[in-house]
Amino acid sequence: MAAGWLRRARRHLRDQPECVERCCLSWVGTERAQERGAFDEAMETIDRMGTRANYRGNHARLVAVKRRYAPGNLFRLDHNIAP
């Protein structure tokens, strides 16, 4: 049932400008990709959310550190760096 609601929300927001609601939908996609181990897909979703901008030039270094020291995403917080 939840998948149906998510599809409906994506359809309604498809032509809308960037907003909090679109960010929340992207976040769901990022978490699903991480759970499957699809880290490249998760990073693409994060790019759409604009999260990389928050880390500026440090994002690639932080991803490498996260992959090395927390490959199982032990240190998981809201708006965290994908491993």
N, C-alpha and C. Protein backbone atom coordinates (compact mmCIF):
# COMPACT_ATOMS: atom_id res chain seq x y z
N MET A 1 0.83 -1.18 0.00
CA MET A 1 0.00 0.00 0.00
C MET A 1 0.88 1.25 0.00
N ALA A 2 1.94 1.21 0.79
CA ALA A 2 2.83 2.37 0.86
C ALA A 2 3.46 2.66 -0.49
N ALA A 3 3.82 1.61 -1.22
CA ALA A 3 4.43 1.80 -2.53
C ALA A 3 3.48 2.54 -3.47
N GLY A 4 2.21 2.23 -3.37
CA GLY A 4 1.21 2.91 -4.19
C GLY A 4 1.13 4.39 -3.86
N TRP A 5 1.16 4.72 -2.60
CA TRP A 5 1.13 6.12 -2.18
C TRP A 5 2.38 6.86 -2.63
N LEU A 6 3.53 6.19 -2.55
CA LEU A 6 4.77 6.83 -3.00
C LEU A 6 4.74 7.09 -4.49
N ARG A 7 4.26 6.12 -5.28
CA ARG A 7 4.13 6.33 -6.73
C ARG A 7 3.20 7.50 -7.04
N ARG A 8 2.11 7.56 -6.31
CA ARG A 8 1.15 8.65 -6.53
C ARG A 8 1.76 10.00 -6.18
N ALA A 9 2.49 10.05 -5.08
CA ALA A 9 3.14 11.30 -4.68
C ALA A 9 4.17 11.72 -5.72
N ARG A 10 4.97 10.77 -6.21
CA ARG A 10 5.96 11.10 -7.25
C ARG A 10 5.29 11.64 -8.50
N ARG A 11 4.19 11.03 -8.89
CA ARG A 11 3.47 11.48 -10.08
C ARG A 11 2.96 12.90 -9.90
N HIS A 12 2.42 13.21 -8.74
CA HIS A 12 1.87 14.55 -8.50
C HIS A 12 2.95 15.61 -8.39
N LEU A 13 4.13 15.21 -7.93
CA LEU A 13 5.22 16.18 -7.74
C LEU A 13 6.17 16.27 -8.92
N ARG A 14 6.00 15.40 -9.90
CA ARG A 14 6.94 15.31 -11.03
C ARG A 14 7.22 16.65 -11.69
N ASP A 15 6.22 17.45 -11.94
CA ASP A 15 6.40 18.72 -12.65
C ASP A 15 6.51 19.92 -11.72
N GLN A 16 6.63 19.67 -10.44
CA GLN A 16 6.72 20.75 -9.47
C GLN A 16 8.19 21.14 -9.25
N PRO A 17 8.43 22.39 -8.85
CA PRO A 17 9.81 22.79 -8.55
C PRO A 17 10.31 22.07 -7.29
N GLU A 18 11.60 22.16 -7.04
CA GLU A 18 12.17 21.54 -5.85
C GLU A 18 11.42 22.02 -4.61
N CYS A 19 11.12 21.08 -3.74
CA CYS A 19 10.39 21.41 -2.52
C CYS A 19 10.70 20.35 -1.47
N VAL A 20 10.25 20.59 -0.26
CA VAL A 20 10.49 19.66 0.85
C VAL A 20 9.89 18.30 0.54
N GLU A 21 8.73 18.28 -0.06
CA GLU A 21 8.05 17.03 -0.36
C GLU A 21 8.87 16.17 -1.33
N ARG A 22 9.44 16.80 -2.36
CA ARG A 22 10.28 16.05 -3.31
C ARG A 22 11.53 15.54 -2.62
N CYS A 23 12.07 16.32 -1.71
CA CYS A 23 13.24 15.89 -0.95
C CYS A 23 12.91 14.66 -0.11
N CYS A 24 11.76 14.65 0.52
CA CYS A 24 11.36 13.50 1.33
C CYS A 24 11.22 12.25 0.47
N LEU A 25 10.66 12.38 -0.72
CA LEU A 25 10.54 11.23 -1.61
C LEU A 25 11.92 10.74 -2.06
N SER A 26 12.83 11.66 -2.31
CA SER A 26 14.19 11.26 -2.67
C SER A 26 14.87 10.54 -1.52
N TRP A 27 14.61 11.00 -0.33
CA TRP A 27 15.21 10.38 0.86
C TRP A 27 14.77 8.91 0.97
N VAL A 28 13.49 8.66 0.72
CA VAL A 28 12.99 7.28 0.74
C VAL A 28 13.74 6.45 -0.29
N GLY A 29 13.95 7.00 -1.47
CA GLY A 29 14.68 6.30 -2.51
C GLY A 29 16.12 6.01 -2.12
N THR A 30 16.74 6.95 -1.44
CA THR A 30 18.12 6.77 -0.99
C THR A 30 18.21 5.65 0.02
N GLU A 31 17.29 5.61 0.97
CA GLU A 31 17.32 4.55 1.98
C GLU A 31 17.09 3.18 1.35
N ARG A 32 16.18 3.10 0.40
CA ARG A 32 15.93 1.82 -0.28
C ARG A 32 17.18 1.36 -1.03
N ALA A 33 17.84 2.29 -1.71
CA ALA A 33 19.05 1.93 -2.46
C ALA A 33 20.15 1.47 -1.51
N GLN A 34 20.31 2.13 -0.37
CA GLN A 34 21.32 1.73 0.61
C GLN A 34 21.04 0.34 1.14
N GLU A 35 19.80 0.05 1.41
CA GLU A 35 19.43 -1.27 1.94
C GLU A 35 19.76 -2.38 0.95
N ARG A 36 19.66 -2.09 -0.35
CA ARG A 36 19.98 -3.07 -1.39
C ARG A 36 21.48 -3.11 -1.68
N GLY A 37 22.24 -2.17 -1.10
CA GLY A 37 23.67 -2.11 -1.38
C GLY A 37 23.97 -1.38 -2.68
N ALA A 38 23.00 -0.69 -3.23
CA ALA A 38 23.17 0.06 -4.48
C ALA A 38 23.64 1.47 -4.16
N PHE A 39 24.91 1.58 -3.75
CA PHE A 39 25.42 2.85 -3.25
C PHE A 39 25.54 3.92 -4.33
N ASP A 40 25.85 3.52 -5.56
CA ASP A 40 25.91 4.51 -6.65
C ASP A 40 24.53 5.12 -6.89
N GLU A 41 23.51 4.27 -6.86
CA GLU A 41 22.14 4.77 -7.02
C GLU A 41 21.77 5.70 -5.86
N ALA A 42 22.19 5.31 -4.65
CA ALA A 42 21.91 6.16 -3.49
C ALA A 42 22.58 7.53 -3.66
N MET A 43 23.82 7.53 -4.17
CA MET A 43 24.52 8.80 -4.36
C MET A 43 23.84 9.66 -5.42
N GLU A 44 23.32 9.04 -6.47
CA GLU A 44 22.59 9.79 -7.49
C GLU A 44 21.35 10.44 -6.89
N THR A 45 20.68 9.70 -6.03
CA THR A 45 19.49 10.24 -5.38
C THR A 45 19.86 11.40 -4.46
N ILE A 46 20.96 11.24 -3.75
CA ILE A 46 21.44 12.32 -2.88
C ILE A 46 21.75 13.56 -3.70
N ASP A 47 22.35 13.35 -4.87
CA ASP A 47 22.63 14.50 -5.74
C ASP A 47 21.35 15.26 -6.05
N ARG A 48 20.30 14.52 -6.33
CA ARG A 48 19.02 15.18 -6.63
C ARG A 48 18.51 15.96 -5.42
N MET A 49 18.82 15.49 -4.25
CA MET A 49 18.37 16.18 -3.03
C MET A 49 19.20 17.43 -2.76
N GLY A 50 20.39 17.51 -3.34
CA GLY A 50 21.24 18.65 -3.09
C GLY A 50 22.08 18.53 -1.84
N THR A 51 22.15 17.33 -1.27
CA THR A 51 22.87 17.14 -0.01
C THR A 51 24.36 17.39 -0.16
N ARG A 52 24.91 17.03 -1.30
CA ARG A 52 26.35 17.21 -1.49
C ARG A 52 26.76 18.67 -1.31
N ALA A 53 25.90 19.57 -1.67
CA ALA A 53 26.21 20.99 -1.51
C ALA A 53 26.48 21.34 -0.05
N ASN A 54 25.83 20.63 0.85
CA ASN A 54 26.03 20.91 2.27
C ASN A 54 27.43 20.57 2.74
N TYR A 55 28.07 19.60 2.09
CA TYR A 55 29.41 19.17 2.50
C TYR A 55 30.50 19.83 1.68
N ARG A 56 30.11 20.61 0.70
CA ARG A 56 31.01 21.33 -0.19
C ARG A 56 32.09 20.40 -0.74
N GLY A 57 33.34 20.78 -0.70
CA GLY A 57 34.42 20.00 -1.28
C GLY A 57 34.80 18.78 -0.48
N ASN A 58 34.19 18.56 0.67
CA ASN A 58 34.56 17.45 1.54
C ASN A 58 33.75 16.18 1.29
N HIS A 59 32.75 16.24 0.44
CA HIS A 59 31.84 15.12 0.31
C HIS A 59 32.54 13.83 -0.11
N ALA A 60 33.38 13.86 -1.14
CA ALA A 60 34.05 12.64 -1.62
C ALA A 60 34.92 12.04 -0.52
N ARG A 61 35.64 12.89 0.21
CA ARG A 61 36.49 12.41 1.30
C ARG A 61 35.64 11.78 2.40
N LEU A 62 34.52 12.39 2.74
CA LEU A 62 33.65 11.87 3.78
C LEU A 62 33.02 10.53 3.38
N VAL A 63 32.68 10.39 2.10
CA VAL A 63 32.14 9.12 1.61
C VAL A 63 33.19 8.03 1.76
N ALA A 64 34.44 8.33 1.40
CA ALA A 64 35.52 7.35 1.52
C ALA A 64 35.73 6.94 2.98
N VAL A 65 35.69 7.89 3.88
CA VAL A 65 35.84 7.59 5.31
C VAL A 65 34.68 6.73 5.78
N LYS A 66 33.47 7.08 5.37
CA LYS A 66 32.29 6.32 5.78
C LYS A 66 32.36 4.88 5.27
N ARG A 67 32.77 4.71 4.01
CA ARG A 67 32.87 3.35 3.45
C ARG A 67 33.93 2.52 4.19
N ARG A 68 34.99 3.17 4.62
CA ARG A 68 36.07 2.44 5.29
C ARG A 68 35.70 2.07 6.72
N TYR A 69 35.18 3.03 7.48
CA TYR A 69 34.97 2.83 8.91
C TYR A 69 33.56 2.41 9.30
N ALA A 70 32.60 2.58 8.41
CA ALA A 70 31.22 2.20 8.74
C ALA A 70 30.54 1.61 7.51
N PRO A 71 31.11 0.53 6.93
CA PRO A 71 30.52 -0.02 5.71
C PRO A 71 29.10 -0.53 5.91
N GLY A 72 28.74 -0.91 7.10
CA GLY A 72 27.38 -1.37 7.38
C GLY A 72 26.45 -0.24 7.77
N ASN A 73 26.93 1.00 7.63
CA ASN A 73 26.14 2.20 7.96
C ASN A 73 25.76 2.23 9.44
N LEU A 74 26.71 1.84 10.30
CA LEU A 74 26.49 1.83 11.75
C LEU A 74 26.13 3.22 12.26
N PHE A 75 26.84 4.23 11.76
CA PHE A 75 26.62 5.60 12.23
C PHE A 75 25.61 6.28 11.32
N ARG A 76 24.37 5.88 11.44
CA ARG A 76 23.32 6.37 10.56
C ARG A 76 22.48 7.42 11.28
N LEU A 77 22.39 8.58 10.67
CA LEU A 77 21.58 9.68 11.20
C LEU A 77 20.78 10.28 10.06
N ASP A 78 19.79 11.05 10.39
CA ASP A 78 19.07 11.77 9.34
C ASP A 78 20.05 12.64 8.56
N HIS A 79 19.92 12.66 7.25
CA HIS A 79 20.77 13.44 6.35
C HIS A 79 22.24 13.05 6.47
N ASN A 80 22.49 11.78 6.72
CA ASN A 80 23.84 11.29 6.86
C ASN A 80 24.45 11.03 5.50
N ILE A 81 25.73 10.75 5.49
CA ILE A 81 26.45 10.43 4.28
C ILE A 81 26.24 8.96 3.97
N ALA A 82 25.89 8.66 2.75
CA ALA A 82 25.71 7.26 2.35
C ALA A 82 27.06 6.57 2.35
N PRO A 83 27.14 5.32 2.79
CA PRO A 83 28.42 4.63 2.79
C PRO A 83 28.87 4.27 1.40
